[in-house]
Structure formats: C-alpha cells, structure tokens
Amino acid sequence: MKEEIKKAILEFAEKSKKTKFYFKDMEKAVHQSIPDAKSRDIKKAATELINEGKLIYFSTGSTTMYGLKGRGQTEDH
C-alpha cells in the first residue's frame, strides 16, 4: 500500500503544473488513484520520499509545501 501511495505522490508531483504544492492537493491526487488511502499513510509516504531525496519541503513560514526535488526552485539554487 505504501509503495502505491509513494508512486501516486511522485506521479502527481511530476504531472503538476506547479513546482510547489500543498499537502491537501497531494492528498486529493492520491485519493483519485487510491480512494481508501488514509491521510496519515499519505503523510508517512511523503516523509519517506523526502528522506529518500525525491521530494523536498518548502516552508513559507505559515505553511509547509512540498516539491519534486530538482524541479523548479530548489534549495540548491
């Protein structure tokens, strides 16, 4: 289940027109392919992808956004 969620997150991140996205947008995309995925499982999968270096966090001060590493403005620029 977790691997499917991670795959759905990466697909969403790659197809998204935006380089940064909110958790709720990512969650909505995962629910389209895995309707019974739980928020906690999606959050855990996203955290694993960050730990694996595939996704990165963007903190805007008031909220946290996610992004696909190497796409758009990342922390290396």
PDB file of N, CA and C in Angstrom:
ATOM      1  N   MET A   1       0.824  -1.204   0.000  1.00  0.00           N
ATOM      2  CA  MET A   1       0.000   0.000   0.000  1.00  0.00           C
ATOM      3  C   MET A   1       0.866   1.265   0.000  1.00  0.00           C
ATOM      4  N   LYS A   2       1.890   1.278   0.856  1.00  0.00           N
ATOM      5  CA  LYS A   2       2.732   2.477   0.944  1.00  0.00           C
ATOM      6  C   LYS A   2       3.453   2.758  -0.373  1.00  0.00           C
ATOM      7  N   GLU A   3       3.910   1.707  -1.027  1.00  0.00           N
ATOM      8  CA  GLU A   3       4.603   1.893  -2.304  1.00  0.00           C
ATOM      9  C   GLU A   3       3.676   2.495  -3.361  1.00  0.00           C
ATOM     10  N   GLU A   4       2.392   2.057  -3.351  1.00  0.00           N
ATOM     11  CA  GLU A   4       1.421   2.617  -4.299  1.00  0.00           C
ATOM     12  C   GLU A   4       1.193   4.092  -4.011  1.00  0.00           C
ATOM     13  N   ILE A   5       1.121   4.433  -2.725  1.00  0.00           N
ATOM     14  CA  ILE A   5       0.915   5.836  -2.337  1.00  0.00           C
ATOM     15  C   ILE A   5       2.112   6.677  -2.783  1.00  0.00           C
ATOM     16  N   LYS A   6       3.316   6.163  -2.544  1.00  0.00           N
ATOM     17  CA  LYS A   6       4.525   6.896  -2.956  1.00  0.00           C
ATOM     18  C   LYS A   6       4.541   7.112  -4.466  1.00  0.00           C
ATOM     19  N   LYS A   7       4.147   6.074  -5.209  1.00  0.00           N
ATOM     20  CA  LYS A   7       4.100   6.168  -6.669  1.00  0.00           C
ATOM     21  C   LYS A   7       3.080   7.227  -7.098  1.00  0.00           C
ATOM     22  N   ALA A   8       1.917   7.228  -6.444  1.00  0.00           N
ATOM     23  CA  ALA A   8       0.874   8.208  -6.771  1.00  0.00           C
ATOM     24  C   ALA A   8       1.343   9.633  -6.458  1.00  0.00           C
ATOM     25  N   ILE A   9       2.067   9.804  -5.358  1.00  0.00           N
ATOM     26  CA  ILE A   9       2.598  11.129  -4.999  1.00  0.00           C
ATOM     27  C   ILE A   9       3.591  11.600  -6.058  1.00  0.00           C
ATOM     28  N   LEU A  10       4.509  10.721  -6.441  1.00  0.00           N
ATOM     29  CA  LEU A  10       5.517  11.096  -7.444  1.00  0.00           C
ATOM     30  C   LEU A  10       4.879  11.410  -8.793  1.00  0.00           C
ATOM     31  N   GLU A  11       3.872  10.626  -9.170  1.00  0.00           N
ATOM     32  CA  GLU A  11       3.177  10.899 -10.435  1.00  0.00           C
ATOM     33  C   GLU A  11       2.505  12.261 -10.403  1.00  0.00           C
ATOM     34  N   PHE A  12       1.857  12.552  -9.272  1.00  0.00           N
ATOM     35  CA  PHE A  12       1.212  13.855  -9.121  1.00  0.00           C
ATOM     36  C   PHE A  12       2.247  14.979  -9.195  1.00  0.00           C
ATOM     37  N   ALA A  13       3.368  14.798  -8.491  1.00  0.00           N
ATOM     38  CA  ALA A  13       4.412  15.832  -8.459  1.00  0.00           C
ATOM     39  C   ALA A  13       4.997  16.075  -9.849  1.00  0.00           C
ATOM     40  N   GLU A  14       5.152  15.015 -10.623  1.00  0.00           N
ATOM     41  CA  GLU A  14       5.720  15.153 -11.967  1.00  0.00           C
ATOM     42  C   GLU A  14       4.736  15.778 -12.948  1.00  0.00           C
ATOM     43  N   LYS A  15       3.453  15.482 -12.787  1.00  0.00           N
ATOM     44  CA  LYS A  15       2.446  15.998 -13.708  1.00  0.00           C
ATOM     45  C   LYS A  15       1.963  17.392 -13.337  1.00  0.00           C
ATOM     46  N   SER A  16       2.114  17.755 -12.068  1.00  0.00           N
ATOM     47  CA  SER A  16       1.613  19.039 -11.585  1.00  0.00           C
ATOM     48  C   SER A  16       2.241  20.200 -12.351  1.00  0.00           C
ATOM     49  N   LYS A  17       1.414  21.171 -12.695  1.00  0.00           N
ATOM     50  CA  LYS A  17       1.931  22.358 -13.370  1.00  0.00           C
ATOM     51  C   LYS A  17       2.713  23.230 -12.397  1.00  0.00           C
ATOM     52  N   LYS A  18       2.373  23.101 -11.120  1.00  0.00           N
ATOM     53  CA  LYS A  18       3.064  23.882 -10.091  1.00  0.00           C
ATOM     54  C   LYS A  18       4.277  23.097  -9.597  1.00  0.00           C
ATOM     55  N   THR A  19       5.332  23.826  -9.251  1.00  0.00           N
ATOM     56  CA  THR A  19       6.516  23.141  -8.721  1.00  0.00           C
ATOM     57  C   THR A  19       6.393  22.938  -7.216  1.00  0.00           C
ATOM     58  N   LYS A  20       5.480  23.693  -6.578  1.00  0.00           N
ATOM     59  CA  LYS A  20       5.238  23.533  -5.137  1.00  0.00           C
ATOM     60  C   LYS A  20       3.757  23.260  -4.961  1.00  0.00           C
ATOM     61  N   PHE A  21       3.426  22.408  -3.997  1.00  0.00           N
ATOM     62  CA  PHE A  21       2.021  22.093  -3.772  1.00  0.00           C
ATOM     63  C   PHE A  21       1.781  21.806  -2.303  1.00  0.00           C
ATOM     64  N   TYR A  22       0.546  22.008  -1.907  1.00  0.00           N
ATOM     65  CA  TYR A  22       0.136  21.765  -0.525  1.00  0.00           C
ATOM     66  C   TYR A  22      -0.149  20.289  -0.303  1.00  0.00           C
ATOM     67  N   PHE A  23      -0.109  19.891   0.966  1.00  0.00           N
ATOM     68  CA  PHE A  23      -0.406  18.503   1.308  1.00  0.00           C
ATOM     69  C   PHE A  23      -1.806  18.127   0.836  1.00  0.00           C
ATOM     70  N   LYS A  24      -2.778  19.028   1.027  1.00  0.00           N
ATOM     71  CA  LYS A  24      -4.162  18.692   0.644  1.00  0.00           C
ATOM     72  C   LYS A  24      -4.299  18.430  -0.851  1.00  0.00           C
ATOM     73  N   ASP A  25      -3.511  19.129  -1.673  1.00  0.00           N
ATOM     74  CA  ASP A  25      -3.544  18.871  -3.116  1.00  0.00           C
ATOM     75  C   ASP A  25      -2.962  17.496  -3.433  1.00  0.00           C
ATOM     76  N   MET A  26      -1.878  17.182  -2.759  1.00  0.00           N
ATOM     77  CA  MET A  26      -1.231  15.879  -2.937  1.00  0.00           C
ATOM     78  C   MET A  26      -2.172  14.765  -2.457  1.00  0.00           C
ATOM     79  N   GLU A  27      -2.825  15.007  -1.323  1.00  0.00           N
ATOM     80  CA  GLU A  27      -3.754  14.028  -0.757  1.00  0.00           C
ATOM     81  C   GLU A  27      -4.923  13.774  -1.728  1.00  0.00           C
ATOM     82  N   LYS A  28      -5.443  14.837  -2.318  1.00  0.00           N
ATOM     83  CA  LYS A  28      -6.548  14.723  -3.273  1.00  0.00           C
ATOM     84  C   LYS A  28      -6.124  13.876  -4.482  1.00  0.00           C
ATOM     85  N   ALA A  29      -4.915  14.106  -4.965  1.00  0.00           N
ATOM     86  CA  ALA A  29      -4.398  13.357  -6.112  1.00  0.00           C
ATOM     87  C   ALA A  29      -4.234  11.877  -5.768  1.00  0.00           C
ATOM     88  N   VAL A  30      -3.746  11.589  -4.573  1.00  0.00           N
ATOM     89  CA  VAL A  30      -3.574  10.191  -4.153  1.00  0.00           C
ATOM     90  C   VAL A  30      -4.948   9.515  -4.062  1.00  0.00           C
ATOM     91  N   HIS A  31      -5.926  10.233  -3.534  1.00  0.00           N
ATOM     92  CA  HIS A  31      -7.265   9.652  -3.391  1.00  0.00           C
ATOM     93  C   HIS A  31      -7.911   9.334  -4.738  1.00  0.00           C
ATOM     94  N   GLN A  32      -7.489   9.989  -5.795  1.00  0.00           N
ATOM     95  CA  GLN A  32      -8.035   9.681  -7.120  1.00  0.00           C
ATOM     96  C   GLN A  32      -7.622   8.278  -7.568  1.00  0.00           C
ATOM     97  N   SER A  33      -6.397   7.882  -7.243  1.00  0.00           N
ATOM     98  CA  SER A  33      -5.970   6.538  -7.640  1.00  0.00           C
ATOM     99  C   SER A  33      -6.099   5.520  -6.509  1.00  0.00           C
ATOM    100  N   ILE A  34      -6.066   5.990  -5.247  1.00  0.00           N
ATOM    101  CA  ILE A  34      -6.203   5.083  -4.095  1.00  0.00           C
ATOM    102  C   ILE A  34      -7.242   5.700  -3.153  1.00  0.00           C
ATOM    103  N   PRO A  35      -8.534   5.506  -3.426  1.00  0.00           N
ATOM    104  CA  PRO A  35      -9.591   6.172  -2.650  1.00  0.00           C
ATOM    105  C   PRO A  35      -9.580   5.884  -1.147  1.00  0.00           C
ATOM    106  N   ASP A  36      -9.090   4.721  -0.749  1.00  0.00           N
ATOM    107  CA  ASP A  36      -9.118   4.396   0.683  1.00  0.00           C
ATOM    108  C   ASP A  36      -7.818   4.716   1.419  1.00  0.00           C
ATOM    109  N   ALA A  37      -6.926   5.468   0.784  1.00  0.00           N
ATOM    110  CA  ALA A  37      -5.671   5.853   1.450  1.00  0.00           C
ATOM    111  C   ALA A  37      -5.979   6.812   2.597  1.00  0.00           C
ATOM    112  N   LYS A  38      -5.344   6.594   3.724  1.00  0.00           N
ATOM    113  CA  LYS A  38      -5.562   7.448   4.896  1.00  0.00           C
ATOM    114  C   LYS A  38      -4.562   8.605   4.888  1.00  0.00           C
ATOM    115  N   SER A  39      -4.993   9.741   5.421  1.00  0.00           N
ATOM    116  CA  SER A  39      -4.124  10.920   5.472  1.00  0.00           C
ATOM    117  C   SER A  39      -2.787  10.612   6.135  1.00  0.00           C
ATOM    118  N   ARG A  40      -2.841   9.847   7.225  1.00  0.00           N
ATOM    119  CA  ARG A  40      -1.615   9.517   7.953  1.00  0.00           C
ATOM    120  C   ARG A  40      -0.654   8.714   7.077  1.00  0.00           C
ATOM    121  N   ASP A  41      -1.204   7.789   6.287  1.00  0.00           N
ATOM    122  CA  ASP A  41      -0.367   6.978   5.404  1.00  0.00           C
ATOM    123  C   ASP A  41       0.244   7.822   4.290  1.00  0.00           C
ATOM    124  N   ILE A  42      -0.546   8.767   3.787  1.00  0.00           N
ATOM    125  CA  ILE A  42      -0.039   9.658   2.738  1.00  0.00           C
ATOM    126  C   ILE A  42       1.087  10.523   3.300  1.00  0.00           C
ATOM    127  N   LYS A  43       0.898  11.036   4.507  1.00  0.00           N
ATOM    128  CA  LYS A  43       1.912  11.864   5.164  1.00  0.00           C
ATOM    129  C   LYS A  43       3.186  11.053   5.381  1.00  0.00           C
ATOM    130  N   LYS A  44       3.048   9.813   5.847  1.00  0.00           N
ATOM    131  CA  LYS A  44       4.214   8.943   6.068  1.00  0.00           C
ATOM    132  C   LYS A  44       4.953   8.673   4.761  1.00  0.00           C
ATOM    133  N   ALA A  45       4.197   8.405   3.690  1.00  0.00           N
ATOM    134  CA  ALA A  45       4.810   8.134   2.388  1.00  0.00           C
ATOM    135  C   ALA A  45       5.545   9.376   1.894  1.00  0.00           C
ATOM    136  N   ALA A  46       4.947  10.554   2.082  1.00  0.00           N
ATOM    137  CA  ALA A  46       5.585  11.805   1.662  1.00  0.00           C
ATOM    138  C   ALA A  46       6.878  12.013   2.449  1.00  0.00           C
ATOM    139  N   THR A  47       6.854  11.735   3.734  1.00  0.00           N
ATOM    140  CA  THR A  47       8.048  11.883   4.571  1.00  0.00           C
ATOM    141  C   THR A  47       9.138  10.923   4.108  1.00  0.00           C
ATOM    142  N   GLU A  48       8.766   9.710   3.756  1.00  0.00           N
ATOM    143  CA  GLU A  48       9.751   8.751   3.240  1.00  0.00           C
ATOM    144  C   GLU A  48      10.372   9.259   1.948  1.00  0.00           C
ATOM    145  N   LEU A  49       9.552   9.837   1.070  1.00  0.00           N
ATOM    146  CA  LEU A  49      10.068  10.373  -0.195  1.00  0.00           C
ATOM    147  C   LEU A  49      11.027  11.535   0.061  1.00  0.00           C
ATOM    148  N   ILE A  50      10.750  12.318   1.092  1.00  0.00           N
ATOM    149  CA  ILE A  50      11.667  13.407   1.459  1.00  0.00           C
ATOM    150  C   ILE A  50      12.977  12.812   1.964  1.00  0.00           C
ATOM    151  N   ASN A  51      12.879  11.796   2.818  1.00  0.00           N
ATOM    152  CA  ASN A  51      14.078  11.128   3.345  1.00  0.00           C
ATOM    153  C   ASN A  51      14.891  10.460   2.248  1.00  0.00           C
ATOM    154  N   GLU A  52      14.211   9.999   1.190  1.00  0.00           N
ATOM    155  CA  GLU A  52      14.897   9.369   0.062  1.00  0.00           C
ATOM    156  C   GLU A  52      15.457  10.407  -0.911  1.00  0.00           C
ATOM    157  N   GLY A  53      15.141  11.673  -0.676  1.00  0.00           N
ATOM    158  CA  GLY A  53      15.656  12.737  -1.533  1.00  0.00           C
ATOM    159  C   GLY A  53      14.862  12.936  -2.812  1.00  0.00           C
ATOM    160  N   LYS A  54      13.645  12.413  -2.873  1.00  0.00           N
ATOM    161  CA  LYS A  54      12.831  12.563  -4.082  1.00  0.00           C
ATOM    162  C   LYS A  54      11.911  13.781  -4.003  1.00  0.00           C
ATOM    163  N   LEU A  55      11.473  14.086  -2.792  1.00  0.00           N
ATOM    164  CA  LEU A  55      10.662  15.284  -2.564  1.00  0.00           C
ATOM    165  C   LEU A  55      11.415  16.195  -1.612  1.00  0.00           C
ATOM    166  N   ILE A  56      11.051  17.472  -1.626  1.00  0.00           N
ATOM    167  CA  ILE A  56      11.630  18.402  -0.652  1.00  0.00           C
ATOM    168  C   ILE A  56      10.515  19.237  -0.045  1.00  0.00           C
ATOM    169  N   TYR A  57      10.779  19.754   1.142  1.00  0.00           N
ATOM    170  CA  TYR A  57       9.867  20.655   1.835  1.00  0.00           C
ATOM    171  C   TYR A  57      10.140  22.088   1.429  1.00  0.00           C
ATOM    172  N   PHE A  58       9.106  22.876   1.371  1.00  0.00           N
ATOM    173  CA  PHE A  58       9.244  24.324   1.267  1.00  0.00           C
ATOM    174  C   PHE A  58       8.478  24.888   2.444  1.00  0.00           C
ATOM    175  N   SER A  59       9.117  25.672   3.267  1.00  0.00           N
ATOM    176  CA  SER A  59       8.402  26.301   4.361  1.00  0.00           C
ATOM    177  C   SER A  59       8.201  27.760   4.007  1.00  0.00           C
ATOM    178  N   THR A  60       6.954  28.201   4.067  1.00  0.00           N
ATOM    179  CA  THR A  60       6.672  29.602   3.760  1.00  0.00           C
ATOM    180  C   THR A  60       6.499  30.389   5.056  1.00  0.00           C
ATOM    181  N   GLY A  61       6.845  29.784   6.157  1.00  0.00           N
ATOM    182  CA  GLY A  61       6.678  30.432   7.450  1.00  0.00           C
ATOM    183  C   GLY A  61       5.377  30.004   8.097  1.00  0.00           C
ATOM    184  N   SER A  62       4.277  30.183   7.381  1.00  0.00           N
ATOM    185  CA  SER A  62       2.982  29.838   7.960  1.00  0.00           C
ATOM    186  C   SER A  62       2.520  28.444   7.557  1.00  0.00           C
ATOM    187  N   THR A  63       3.047  27.947   6.458  1.00  0.00           N
ATOM    188  CA  THR A  63       2.609  26.631   5.984  1.00  0.00           C
ATOM    189  C   THR A  63       3.775  25.898   5.339  1.00  0.00           C
ATOM    190  N   THR A  64       3.633  24.595   5.213  1.00  0.00           N
ATOM    191  CA  THR A  64       4.660  23.789   4.569  1.00  0.00           C
ATOM    192  C   THR A  64       4.118  23.303   3.240  1.00  0.00           C
ATOM    193  N   MET A  65       4.937  23.409   2.223  1.00  0.00           N
ATOM    194  CA  MET A  65       4.563  22.900   0.909  1.00  0.00           C
ATOM    195  C   MET A  65       5.571  21.835   0.521  1.00  0.00           C
ATOM    196  N   TYR A  66       5.221  21.061  -0.465  1.00  0.00           N
ATOM    197  CA  TYR A  66       6.097  20.003  -0.966  1.00  0.00           C
ATOM    198  C   TYR A  66       6.484  20.316  -2.399  1.00  0.00           C
ATOM    199  N   GLY A  67       7.595  19.767  -2.828  1.00  0.00           N
ATOM    200  CA  GLY A  67       8.009  19.932  -4.209  1.00  0.00           C
ATOM    201  C   GLY A  67       8.838  18.741  -4.642  1.00  0.00           C
ATOM    202  N   LEU A  68       8.921  18.541  -5.942  1.00  0.00           N
ATOM    203  CA  LEU A  68       9.724  17.467  -6.501  1.00  0.00           C
ATOM    204  C   LEU A  68      11.156  17.952  -6.580  1.00  0.00           C
ATOM    205  N   LYS A  69      12.074  17.225  -5.999  1.00  0.00           N
ATOM    206  CA  LYS A  69      13.474  17.657  -5.983  1.00  0.00           C
ATOM    207  C   LYS A  69      13.999  17.805  -7.411  1.00  0.00           C
ATOM    208  N   GLY A  70      14.688  18.922  -7.650  1.00  0.00           N
ATOM    209  CA  GLY A  70      15.279  19.139  -8.957  1.00  0.00           C
ATOM    210  C   GLY A  70      14.335  19.803  -9.949  1.00  0.00           C
ATOM    211  N   ARG A  71      13.126  20.107  -9.528  1.00  0.00           N
ATOM    212  CA  ARG A  71      12.164  20.730 -10.423  1.00  0.00           C
ATOM    213  C   ARG A  71      11.796  22.103  -9.882  1.00  0.00           C
ATOM    214  N   GLY A  72      11.964  23.122 -10.690  1.00  0.00           N
ATOM    215  CA  GLY A  72      11.651  24.464 -10.204  1.00  0.00           C
ATOM    216  C   GLY A  72      12.748  24.963  -9.278  1.00  0.00           C
ATOM    217  N   GLN A  73      12.378  25.859  -8.405  1.00  0.00           N
ATOM    218  CA  GLN A  73      13.374  26.422  -7.490  1.00  0.00           C
ATOM    219  C   GLN A  73      13.540  25.495  -6.290  1.00  0.00           C
ATOM    220  N   THR A  74      14.741  24.993  -6.131  1.00  0.00           N
ATOM    221  CA  THR A  74      15.012  24.085  -5.016  1.00  0.00           C
ATOM    222  C   THR A  74      16.049  24.727  -4.100  1.00  0.00           C
ATOM    223  N   GLU A  75      16.356  24.026  -3.041  1.00  0.00           N
ATOM    224  CA  GLU A  75      17.299  24.588  -2.067  1.00  0.00           C
ATOM    225  C   GLU A  75      18.720  24.694  -2.612  1.00  0.00           C
ATOM    226  N   ASP A  76      19.006  24.079  -3.738  1.00  0.00           N
ATOM    227  CA  ASP A  76      20.370  24.143  -4.271  1.00  0.00           C
ATOM    228  C   ASP A  76      20.611  25.422  -5.081  1.00  0.00           C
ATOM    229  N   HIS A  77      19.573  26.172  -5.383  1.00  0.00           N
ATOM    230  CA  HIS A  77      19.750  27.384  -6.200  1.00  0.00           C
ATOM    231  C   HIS A  77      19.959  28.604  -5.352  1.00  0.00           C
TER     232      HIS A  77
END
